[in-house]
C-alpha atoms as a PDB file:
ATOM      1  CA  UNK A   1     -38.511 -12.409  -4.498  1.00  0.00           C
ATOM      2  CA  UNK A   2     -36.151 -11.452  -7.311  1.00  0.00           C
ATOM      3  CA  UNK A   3     -34.211  -8.215  -7.356  1.00  0.00           C
ATOM      4  CA  UNK A   4     -32.870  -6.697 -10.571  1.00  0.00           C
ATOM      5  CA  UNK A   5     -30.032  -4.223 -10.258  1.00  0.00           C
ATOM      6  CA  UNK A   6     -30.634  -1.922 -13.232  1.00  0.00           C
ATOM      7  CA  UNK A   7     -27.777   0.448 -12.376  1.00  0.00           C
ATOM      8  CA  UNK A   8     -24.624   0.780 -14.453  1.00  0.00           C
ATOM      9  CA  UNK A   9     -21.256   0.000 -12.887  1.00  0.00           C
ATOM     10  CA  UNK A  10     -19.019   3.064 -12.850  1.00  0.00           C
ATOM     11  CA  UNK A  11     -15.419   2.770 -13.983  1.00  0.00           C
ATOM     12  CA  UNK A  12     -13.179   4.381 -16.588  1.00  0.00           C
ATOM     13  CA  UNK A  13     -14.943   2.391 -19.339  1.00  0.00           C
ATOM     14  CA  UNK A  14     -18.398   3.773 -18.540  1.00  0.00           C
ATOM     15  CA  UNK A  15     -19.633   5.969 -21.421  1.00  0.00           C
ATOM     16  CA  UNK A  16     -20.193   9.623 -20.551  1.00  0.00           C
ATOM     17  CA  UNK A  17     -22.263  12.255 -22.309  1.00  0.00           C
ATOM     18  CA  UNK A  18     -20.015  14.420 -24.521  1.00  0.00           C
ATOM     19  CA  UNK A  19     -18.754  17.409 -22.574  1.00  0.00           C
ATOM     20  CA  UNK A  20     -19.334  15.896 -19.138  1.00  0.00           C
ATOM     21  CA  UNK A  21     -16.395  15.465 -16.747  1.00  0.00           C
ATOM     22  CA  UNK A  22     -14.200  12.423 -17.300  1.00  0.00           C
ATOM     23  CA  UNK A  23     -14.388   9.581 -14.806  1.00  0.00           C
ATOM     24  CA  UNK A  24     -11.402   9.371 -12.494  1.00  0.00           C
ATOM     25  CA  UNK A  25     -11.176   6.597  -9.895  1.00  0.00           C
ATOM     26  CA  UNK A  26      -7.844   6.485  -8.083  1.00  0.00           C
ATOM     27  CA  UNK A  27      -6.317   5.022  -4.940  1.00  0.00           C
ATOM     28  CA  UNK A  28      -5.927   7.815  -2.387  1.00  0.00           C
ATOM     29  CA  UNK A  29      -4.626   5.340   0.177  1.00  0.00           C
ATOM     30  CA  UNK A  30      -3.693   1.703  -0.405  1.00  0.00           C
ATOM     31  CA  UNK A  31      -2.889  -1.220   1.861  1.00  0.00           C
ATOM     32  CA  UNK A  32      -0.602  -2.527  -0.890  1.00  0.00           C
ATOM     33  CA  UNK A  33       1.401   0.693  -0.606  1.00  0.00           C
ATOM     34  CA  UNK A  34       1.691   0.394   3.150  1.00  0.00           C
ATOM     35  CA  UNK A  35      -1.299   2.481   4.212  1.00  0.00           C
ATOM     36  CA  UNK A  36      -3.529   1.229   7.016  1.00  0.00           C
ATOM     37  CA  UNK A  37      -6.658   1.166   4.818  1.00  0.00           C
ATOM     38  CA  UNK A  38      -7.860   1.403   1.243  1.00  0.00           C
ATOM     39  CA  UNK A  39      -9.439   4.769   0.409  1.00  0.00           C
ATOM     40  CA  UNK A  40     -10.555   5.491  -3.163  1.00  0.00           C
ATOM     41  CA  UNK A  41     -10.779   9.002  -4.616  1.00  0.00           C
ATOM     42  CA  UNK A  42     -13.681   9.583  -7.004  1.00  0.00           C
ATOM     43  CA  UNK A  43     -14.131  12.361  -9.546  1.00  0.00           C
ATOM     44  CA  UNK A  44     -16.948  12.421 -12.087  1.00  0.00           C
ATOM     45  CA  UNK A  45     -19.992  14.456 -13.039  1.00  0.00           C
ATOM     46  CA  UNK A  46     -23.371  14.376 -11.356  1.00  0.00           C
ATOM     47  CA  UNK A  47     -24.883  12.819 -14.501  1.00  0.00           C
ATOM     48  CA  UNK A  48     -22.518   9.860 -14.700  1.00  0.00           C
ATOM     49  CA  UNK A  49     -23.859   6.348 -15.236  1.00  0.00           C
ATOM     50  CA  UNK A  50     -27.298   5.716 -13.785  1.00  0.00           C
ATOM     51  CA  UNK A  51     -28.437   9.070 -12.446  1.00  0.00           C
ATOM     52  CA  UNK A  52     -31.372  11.305 -11.585  1.00  0.00           C
ATOM     53  CA  UNK A  53     -32.067  14.715 -13.132  1.00  0.00           C
ATOM     54  CA  UNK A  54     -33.528  17.406 -10.882  1.00  0.00           C
ATOM     55  CA  UNK A  55     -35.325  20.542 -12.151  1.00  0.00           C
ATOM     56  CA  UNK A  56     -32.165  22.571 -11.440  1.00  0.00           C
ATOM     57  CA  UNK A  57     -30.485  20.705 -14.314  1.00  0.00           C
ATOM     58  CA  UNK A  58     -32.275  22.877 -16.892  1.00  0.00           C
ATOM     59  CA  UNK A  59     -34.338  25.393 -14.909  1.00  0.00           C
ATOM     60  CA  UNK A  60     -32.686  28.354 -13.221  1.00  0.00           C
ATOM     61  CA  UNK A  61     -33.751  28.378  -9.584  1.00  0.00           C
ATOM     62  CA  UNK A  62     -35.331  24.949  -9.960  1.00  0.00           C
ATOM     63  CA  UNK A  63     -35.423  22.411  -7.147  1.00  0.00           C
ATOM     64  CA  UNK A  64     -32.237  20.481  -6.480  1.00  0.00           C
ATOM     65  CA  UNK A  65     -31.792  16.769  -6.089  1.00  0.00           C
ATOM     66  CA  UNK A  66     -32.084  16.975  -2.293  1.00  0.00           C
ATOM     67  CA  UNK A  67     -35.599  18.367  -2.670  1.00  0.00           C
ATOM     68  CA  UNK A  68     -36.886  15.500  -4.824  1.00  0.00           C
ATOM     69  CA  UNK A  69     -39.657  13.429  -3.307  1.00  0.00           C
ATOM     70  CA  UNK A  70     -38.553   9.981  -2.182  1.00  0.00           C
ATOM     71  CA  UNK A  71     -42.167   8.949  -2.606  1.00  0.00           C
ATOM     72  CA  UNK A  72     -41.863   9.611  -6.341  1.00  0.00           C
ATOM     73  CA  UNK A  73     -38.776   7.394  -6.545  1.00  0.00           C
ATOM     74  CA  UNK A  74     -40.004   4.433  -4.502  1.00  0.00           C
ATOM     75  CA  UNK A  75     -43.066   2.390  -5.402  1.00  0.00           C
ATOM     76  CA  UNK A  76     -44.815   0.485  -8.152  1.00  0.00           C
ATOM     77  CA  UNK A  77     -43.355   1.050 -11.636  1.00  0.00           C
ATOM     78  CA  UNK A  78     -44.224  -0.117 -15.114  1.00  0.00           C
ATOM     79  CA  UNK A  79     -41.548  -1.302 -17.571  1.00  0.00           C
ATOM     80  CA  UNK A  80     -42.689  -0.753 -21.156  1.00  0.00           C
ATOM     81  CA  UNK A  81     -40.765  -2.310 -24.032  1.00  0.00           C
ATOM     82  CA  UNK A  82     -40.428  -0.171 -27.158  1.00  0.00           C
ATOM     83  CA  UNK A  83     -40.135  -1.888 -30.575  1.00  0.00           C
ATOM     84  CA  UNK A  84     -36.544  -2.424 -31.668  1.00  0.00           C
ATOM     85  CA  UNK A  85     -36.996  -0.403 -34.843  1.00  0.00           C
ATOM     86  CA  UNK A  86     -38.243   2.707 -33.026  1.00  0.00           C
ATOM     87  CA  UNK A  87     -35.919   5.710 -33.000  1.00  0.00           C
ATOM     88  CA  UNK A  88     -37.977   7.518 -30.363  1.00  0.00           C
ATOM     89  CA  UNK A  89     -40.597   6.820 -27.713  1.00  0.00           C
ATOM     90  CA  UNK A  90     -43.780   8.263 -29.208  1.00  0.00           C
ATOM     91  CA  UNK A  91     -47.305   8.804 -27.844  1.00  0.00           C
ATOM     92  CA  UNK A  92     -48.505   5.623 -29.556  1.00  0.00           C
ATOM     93  CA  UNK A  93     -46.101   3.634 -27.390  1.00  0.00           C
ATOM     94  CA  UNK A  94     -47.825   4.758 -24.194  1.00  0.00           C
ATOM     95  CA  UNK A  95     -51.004   2.686 -24.373  1.00  0.00           C
ATOM     96  CA  UNK A  96     -49.793   0.251 -21.697  1.00  0.00           C
ATOM     97  CA  UNK A  97     -49.185   2.825 -18.969  1.00  0.00           C
ATOM     98  CA  UNK A  98     -52.547   2.302 -17.307  1.00  0.00           C
ATOM     99  CA  UNK A  99     -52.581   3.980 -13.896  1.00  0.00           C
ATOM    100  CA  UNK A 100     -48.811   3.786 -13.436  1.00  0.00           C
ATOM    101  CA  UNK A 101     -47.137   6.909 -12.076  1.00  0.00           C
ATOM    102  CA  UNK A 102     -43.595   5.551 -12.552  1.00  0.00           C
ATOM    103  CA  UNK A 103     -42.689   4.428 -16.072  1.00  0.00           C
ATOM    104  CA  UNK A 104     -39.423   2.953 -17.355  1.00  0.00           C
ATOM    105  CA  UNK A 105     -38.814   2.538 -21.073  1.00  0.00           C
ATOM    106  CA  UNK A 106     -36.886  -0.510 -22.242  1.00  0.00           C
ATOM    107  CA  UNK A 107     -35.533   0.109 -25.742  1.00  0.00           C
ATOM    108  CA  UNK A 108     -32.780  -1.291 -27.917  1.00  0.00           C
ATOM    109  CA  UNK A 109     -30.526   1.053 -25.933  1.00  0.00           C
ATOM    110  CA  UNK A 110     -30.108  -1.605 -23.264  1.00  0.00           C
ATOM    111  CA  UNK A 111     -28.087  -3.727 -25.681  1.00  0.00           C
ATOM    112  CA  UNK A 112     -25.654  -0.843 -26.191  1.00  0.00           C
ATOM    113  CA  UNK A 113     -24.172  -1.208 -22.715  1.00  0.00           C
ATOM    114  CA  UNK A 114     -22.301  -4.344 -23.760  1.00  0.00           C
ATOM    115  CA  UNK A 115     -21.728  -3.331 -27.380  1.00  0.00           C
ATOM    116  CA  UNK A 116     -20.161   0.076 -26.839  1.00  0.00           C
ATOM    117  CA  UNK A 117     -18.411   0.037 -23.493  1.00  0.00           C
ATOM    118  CA  UNK A 118     -16.240   3.119 -23.266  1.00  0.00           C
ATOM    119  CA  UNK A 119     -17.791   4.990 -26.188  1.00  0.00           C
ATOM    120  CA  UNK A 120     -20.847   7.212 -26.328  1.00  0.00           C
ATOM    121  CA  UNK A 121     -23.469   6.403 -28.966  1.00  0.00           C
ATOM    122  CA  UNK A 122     -25.388   9.258 -30.568  1.00  0.00           C
ATOM    123  CA  UNK A 123     -28.006   6.996 -32.198  1.00  0.00           C
ATOM    124  CA  UNK A 124     -29.761   6.077 -28.962  1.00  0.00           C
ATOM    125  CA  UNK A 125     -33.542   5.914 -28.640  1.00  0.00           C
ATOM    126  CA  UNK A 126     -34.894   9.037 -26.954  1.00  0.00           C
ATOM    127  CA  UNK A 127     -38.198  10.246 -25.523  1.00  0.00           C
ATOM    128  CA  UNK A 128     -40.067  12.567 -27.871  1.00  0.00           C
ATOM    129  CA  UNK A 129     -41.380  15.850 -26.508  1.00  0.00           C
ATOM    130  CA  UNK A 130     -44.871  14.813 -27.624  1.00  0.00           C
ATOM    131  CA  UNK A 131     -44.657  11.666 -25.504  1.00  0.00           C
ATOM    132  CA  UNK A 132     -43.316  13.715 -22.593  1.00  0.00           C
ATOM    133  CA  UNK A 133     -46.406  15.938 -22.742  1.00  0.00           C
ATOM    134  CA  UNK A 134     -48.676  12.879 -22.700  1.00  0.00           C
ATOM    135  CA  UNK A 135     -46.843  11.511 -19.655  1.00  0.00           C
ATOM    136  CA  UNK A 136     -47.353  14.792 -17.825  1.00  0.00           C
ATOM    137  CA  UNK A 137     -51.048  14.797 -18.751  1.00  0.00           C
ATOM    138  CA  UNK A 138     -51.369  11.244 -17.415  1.00  0.00           C
ATOM    139  CA  UNK A 139     -49.957  12.276 -14.035  1.00  0.00           C
ATOM    140  CA  UNK A 140     -46.705  10.313 -14.302  1.00  0.00           C
ATOM    141  CA  UNK A 141     -44.231  11.305 -11.570  1.00  0.00           C
ATOM    142  CA  UNK A 142     -41.089   9.456 -12.678  1.00  0.00           C
ATOM    143  CA  UNK A 143     -39.764   8.565 -16.121  1.00  0.00           C
ATOM    144  CA  UNK A 144     -36.727   6.368 -16.775  1.00  0.00           C
ATOM    145  CA  UNK A 145     -34.888   5.426 -19.942  1.00  0.00           C
ATOM    146  CA  UNK A 146     -32.041   3.064 -20.757  1.00  0.00           C
ATOM    147  CA  UNK A 147     -29.455   5.521 -22.072  1.00  0.00           C
ATOM    148  CA  UNK A 148     -27.734   8.648 -20.804  1.00  0.00           C
ATOM    149  CA  UNK A 149     -30.399  11.121 -21.896  1.00  0.00           C
ATOM    150  CA  UNK A 150     -34.127  11.269 -22.523  1.00  0.00           C
ATOM    151  CA  UNK A 151     -33.416  14.004 -25.069  1.00  0.00           C
ATOM    152  CA  UNK A 152     -32.614  13.483 -28.742  1.00  0.00           C
ATOM    153  CA  UNK A 153     -28.891  13.912 -29.264  1.00  0.00           C
ATOM    154  CA  UNK A 154     -28.165  17.373 -30.577  1.00  0.00           C
ATOM    155  CA  UNK A 155     -31.610  18.779 -29.752  1.00  0.00           C
ATOM    156  CA  UNK A 156     -31.128  22.433 -29.058  1.00  0.00           C
ATOM    157  CA  UNK A 157     -34.385  23.271 -27.298  1.00  0.00           C
ATOM    158  CA  UNK A 158     -34.242  20.539 -24.605  1.00  0.00           C
ATOM    159  CA  UNK A 159     -38.028  20.356 -24.842  1.00  0.00           C
ATOM    160  CA  UNK A 160     -38.311  16.835 -23.419  1.00  0.00           C
ATOM    161  CA  UNK A 161     -36.299  17.698 -20.318  1.00  0.00           C
ATOM    162  CA  UNK A 162     -38.114  20.995 -19.826  1.00  0.00           C
ATOM    163  CA  UNK A 163     -41.570  19.461 -20.251  1.00  0.00           C
ATOM    164  CA  UNK A 164     -40.879  16.840 -17.606  1.00  0.00           C
ATOM    165  CA  UNK A 165     -38.825  18.859 -15.124  1.00  0.00           C
ATOM    166  CA  UNK A 166     -41.078  21.925 -15.216  1.00  0.00           C
ATOM    167  CA  UNK A 167     -43.966  19.662 -14.201  1.00  0.00           C
ATOM    168  CA  UNK A 168     -42.178  17.966 -11.335  1.00  0.00           C
ATOM    169  CA  UNK A 169     -41.442  14.682 -13.105  1.00  0.00           C
ATOM    170  CA  UNK A 170     -38.286  12.951 -11.875  1.00  0.00           C
ATOM    171  CA  UNK A 171     -36.034  11.810 -14.744  1.00  0.00           C
ATOM    172  CA  UNK A 172     -33.870   8.707 -14.365  1.00  0.00           C
ATOM    173  CA  UNK A 173     -31.295   8.121 -17.088  1.00  0.00           C
ATOM    174  CA  UNK A 174     -28.692   5.455 -17.753  1.00  0.00           C
ATOM    175  CA  UNK A 175     -30.734   2.390 -16.799  1.00  0.00           C
ATOM    176  CA  UNK A 176     -29.816  -1.129 -17.904  1.00  0.00           C
ATOM    177  CA  UNK A 177     -33.048  -3.013 -18.530  1.00  0.00           C
ATOM    178  CA  UNK A 178     -31.543  -5.788 -20.642  1.00  0.00           C
ATOM    179  CA  UNK A 179     -32.442  -8.511 -18.119  1.00  0.00           C
ATOM    180  CA  UNK A 180     -35.885  -7.133 -17.249  1.00  0.00           C
ATOM    181  CA  UNK A 181     -39.106  -8.233 -18.930  1.00  0.00           C
ATOM    182  CA  UNK A 182     -41.955  -5.779 -19.515  1.00  0.00           C
ATOM    183  CA  UNK A 183     -44.374  -5.613 -16.627  1.00  0.00           C
ATOM    184  CA  UNK A 184     -44.945  -4.230 -13.158  1.00  0.00           C
ATOM    185  CA  UNK A 185     -42.258  -4.098 -10.473  1.00  0.00           C
ATOM    186  CA  UNK A 186     -41.447  -2.336  -7.236  1.00  0.00           C
ATOM    187  CA  UNK A 187     -38.906   0.404  -7.888  1.00  0.00           C
ATOM    188  CA  UNK A 188     -36.306   1.744  -5.487  1.00  0.00           C
ATOM    189  CA  UNK A 189     -34.315   4.678  -6.863  1.00  0.00           C
ATOM    190  CA  UNK A 190     -32.014   6.473  -4.426  1.00  0.00           C
ATOM    191  CA  UNK A 191     -29.827   9.285  -5.762  1.00  0.00           C
ATOM    192  CA  UNK A 192     -26.890  10.468  -3.693  1.00  0.00           C
ATOM    193  CA  UNK A 193     -27.918  13.266  -1.334  1.00  0.00           C
ATOM    194  CA  UNK A 194     -25.564  15.851  -2.802  1.00  0.00           C
ATOM    195  CA  UNK A 195     -26.245  19.186  -1.098  1.00  0.00           C
ATOM    196  CA  UNK A 196     -23.519  21.251  -2.761  1.00  0.00           C
ATOM    197  CA  UNK A 197     -23.253  22.644  -6.255  1.00  0.00           C
ATOM    198  CA  UNK A 198     -26.251  23.463  -8.416  1.00  0.00           C
ATOM    199  CA  UNK A 199     -28.260  20.459  -7.228  1.00  0.00           C
ATOM    200  CA  UNK A 200     -28.781  19.477 -10.870  1.00  0.00           C
ATOM    201  CA  UNK A 201     -28.676  15.728 -10.308  1.00  0.00           C
ATOM    202  CA  UNK A 202     -26.856  12.790  -8.772  1.00  0.00           C
ATOM    203  CA  UNK A 203     -25.768   9.233  -9.519  1.00  0.00           C
ATOM    204  CA  UNK A 204     -28.232   6.659  -8.188  1.00  0.00           C
ATOM    205  CA  UNK A 205     -28.498   2.987  -7.317  1.00  0.00           C
ATOM    206  CA  UNK A 206     -31.713   1.731  -8.882  1.00  0.00           C
ATOM    207  CA  UNK A 207     -33.315  -1.685  -8.415  1.00  0.00           C
ATOM    208  CA  UNK A 208     -36.515  -3.386  -9.470  1.00  0.00           C
ATOM    209  CA  UNK A 209     -38.214  -6.040  -7.346  1.00  0.00           C
ATOM    210  CA  UNK A 210     -40.671  -8.519  -8.785  1.00  0.00           C
ATOM    211  CA  UNK A 211     -44.115  -7.354  -7.751  1.00  0.00           C
ATOM    212  CA  UNK A 212     -47.357  -9.210  -7.185  1.00  0.00           C
ATOM    213  CA  UNK A 213     -49.290  -5.937  -7.461  1.00  0.00           C
ATOM    214  CA  UNK A 214     -51.881  -5.104 -10.112  1.00  0.00           C
ATOM    215  CA  UNK A 215     -50.683  -5.081 -13.708  1.00  0.00           C
END
């Protein structure tokens, strides 16, 4: 069995979406300073690094992250590789979905994690709203992508997010699929169970496990 950790490490060099809270990781208590234990203080936004979007992110009164189905976030998933010259995931890229209800898109974005540490890139590959509608029609329950948003940068209507979230599709953003080949895996995606705030989302630890299930 091989396990792929497709989560981003979080530190001050981790890119953040423009306008999101800065990442602050500080020593609240330190053995080196004479304290009895090390205790780290964390401050960053709910959509930092690898994270899950809940309907409440864009829909007033929408379900929060605590209400998301664990069943949707654990199970067989399909990794689909998008051609390197594609600027967006389009409906024609979805022919390999088959019966998969959890789909992760590996794009040239995955190479950006080592190329642009500390800086946000606006030229990332995004998921088109047309492809989002096809995914909903196909009964997909979870969609993941390898940058910090499924939405085109600067899109004002947020149609991709709204199409997915309004239909109960869990969105996972900020994946690193650079070491993962296309194919079928077992997915475990566990966002923090944050009960306060708007419930709009939460950072997550996400892994893929090599699967012997049907392709």
